[in-house]
Protein backbone atom coordinates (compact mmCIF):
# COMPACT_ATOMS: atom_id res chain seq x y z
CA MET A 1 0.00 0.00 0.00
CA ASP A 2 2.87 2.39 0.83
CA ALA A 3 4.45 1.74 -2.58
CA HIS A 4 1.20 2.82 -4.26
CA LEU A 5 1.09 6.07 -2.25
CA SER A 6 4.71 6.91 -2.98
CA GLN A 7 4.12 6.23 -6.69
CA SER A 8 1.14 8.62 -6.83
CA LYS A 9 3.09 11.29 -4.91
CA SER A 10 5.97 11.06 -7.39
CA LYS A 11 3.54 11.68 -10.26
CA LEU A 12 2.14 14.75 -8.51
CA SER A 13 5.55 16.12 -7.60
CA ALA A 14 6.83 16.10 -11.19
CA ALA A 15 9.00 19.01 -12.26
CA ARG A 16 6.83 22.11 -12.55
CA PRO A 17 7.60 24.49 -15.39
CA SER A 18 7.81 28.24 -14.93
CA CYS A 19 5.33 30.57 -16.61
CA PRO A 20 6.51 31.60 -20.11
CA HIS A 21 4.51 34.85 -19.85
CA CYS A 22 5.72 36.32 -16.54
CA GLY A 23 8.41 33.87 -15.34
CA GLU A 24 6.52 32.94 -12.16
CA VAL A 25 7.52 29.56 -10.70
CA GLU A 26 4.26 29.03 -8.80
CA VAL A 27 2.05 27.20 -11.30
CA GLN A 28 -0.72 24.63 -10.87
CA ARG A 29 -2.06 21.85 -13.05
CA PHE A 30 -5.05 22.99 -15.07
CA GLY A 31 -6.35 19.93 -16.95
CA GLN A 32 -5.25 18.69 -20.35
CA ASN A 33 -5.33 20.00 -23.89
CA ARG A 34 -6.97 18.06 -26.73
CA GLY A 35 -3.68 16.31 -27.49
CA GLY A 36 -3.58 14.89 -23.95
CA THR A 37 -0.69 17.02 -22.64
CA VAL A 38 -0.93 18.60 -19.18
CA ARG A 39 -1.95 22.27 -19.12
CA TRP A 40 -0.66 24.61 -16.44
CA ARG A 41 -2.03 27.85 -14.99
CA CYS A 42 0.18 30.55 -13.53
CA THR A 43 -0.84 31.80 -10.08
CA GLY A 44 0.73 35.19 -10.81
CA CYS A 45 -0.80 36.23 -14.16
CA TRP A 46 -3.53 33.49 -14.36
CA LYS A 47 -2.61 32.60 -17.94
CA THR A 48 -2.63 28.98 -19.06
CA PHE A 49 0.12 27.29 -21.06
CA THR A 50 1.36 23.91 -22.25
CA PRO A 51 5.17 23.58 -22.17
CA SER A 52 5.51 20.88 -24.85
CA PRO A 53 2.20 20.05 -26.54
CA ASN A 54 1.57 16.77 -28.38
CA THR A 55 0.61 17.23 -31.98
CA ARG A 56 -2.45 15.36 -33.17
CA THR A 57 -1.96 13.35 -36.33
CA ILE A 58 -4.25 12.28 -39.15
CA PRO A 59 -4.34 8.54 -39.88
CA PRO A 60 -2.78 7.65 -43.27
CA LEU A 61 -6.05 6.02 -44.37
CA LYS A 62 -7.92 9.31 -43.98
CA VAL A 63 -5.24 11.14 -45.96
CA ASP A 64 -5.54 8.56 -48.75
CA ILE A 65 -9.34 8.85 -48.78
CA ILE A 66 -9.09 12.65 -48.98
CA LYS A 67 -6.60 12.45 -51.87
CA VAL A 68 -8.78 10.01 -53.84
CA ALA A 69 -11.93 12.06 -53.19
CA LEU A 70 -10.15 15.22 -54.35
CA ALA A 71 -9.05 13.40 -57.52
CA LYS A 72 -12.67 12.33 -58.12
CA GLY A 73 -13.75 15.99 -57.93
CA CYS A 74 -15.69 15.95 -54.66
CA SER A 75 -16.31 19.18 -52.77
CA LYS A 76 -13.78 19.94 -50.06
CA HIS A 77 -16.52 20.64 -47.52
CA VAL A 78 -18.31 17.38 -48.32
CA ILE A 79 -15.02 15.50 -47.94
CA ALA A 80 -14.36 17.20 -44.59
CA GLN A 81 -17.79 16.20 -43.27
CA ALA A 82 -17.52 12.62 -44.54
CA VAL A 83 -14.01 11.99 -43.20
CA ARG A 84 -14.61 14.02 -40.01
CA VAL A 85 -11.72 16.45 -40.33
CA SER A 86 -11.79 20.22 -40.61
CA PRO A 87 -12.12 21.81 -44.06
CA LYS A 88 -8.75 23.46 -43.42
CA THR A 89 -7.13 20.00 -43.27
CA VAL A 90 -8.67 19.08 -46.63
CA TYR A 91 -7.39 22.36 -48.12
CA ARG A 92 -3.88 21.66 -46.80
CA ILE A 93 -3.84 18.18 -48.31
CA ALA A 94 -5.20 19.58 -51.59
CA GLU A 95 -2.30 22.05 -51.66
CA GLY A 96 0.24 19.26 -51.25
CA TRP A 97 0.75 19.28 -47.46
CA VAL A 98 1.63 15.87 -46.04
CA PRO A 99 1.46 15.02 -42.31
CA ILE A 100 4.68 14.11 -40.49
CA GLY A 101 5.31 10.37 -40.70
CA TYR A 102 2.76 9.85 -43.48
CA LYS A 103 2.98 6.51 -45.27
CA PRO A 104 0.22 5.50 -47.69
CA ALA A 105 -2.19 3.08 -46.06
CA TYR A 106 -2.49 1.08 -49.27
CA SER A 107 0.30 0.80 -51.82
CA ASN A 108 -2.15 0.41 -54.72
CA GLY A 109 -4.53 3.20 -53.62
CA THR A 110 -7.51 3.48 -51.32
CA PRO A 111 -10.14 0.76 -51.73
CA LEU A 112 -13.18 2.06 -53.55
CA HIS A 113 -15.59 0.35 -51.13
CA LEU A 114 -14.38 2.74 -48.39
CA LEU A 115 -15.21 5.73 -50.57
CA ARG A 116 -18.63 4.25 -51.33
CA ASP A 117 -19.32 3.68 -47.64
CA LEU A 118 -18.47 7.31 -46.93
CA GLY A 119 -20.78 8.44 -49.71
CA LEU A 120 -18.00 10.17 -51.64
CA ILE A 121 -18.62 8.21 -54.85
CA VAL A 122 -21.57 6.30 -56.22
């Protein structure tokens, strides 16, 4: 039981960053951001910050589906709704942007049945 308590205390007593806005060292945990990284709030200026945020990535299959749908001439907004990404992401991919670590999900292209299930092609 004591080992469990000491383990939870070590998690709570992790190194606390200082505020990047005012330099204050008194900060408190303030939840998490959407990427799952701990957010902090400064007790001096009350601003929140995340020292090293995790970037969220798009699965390679979604990128492939977006590329095929763009090649088929589908609307960018329709693609965004069907694949559940923001329209800005579809615009970035249309302009040639590729996510970090992207590898095509299928070497011979995205299966057409996936596009049919999403309603992107008939």
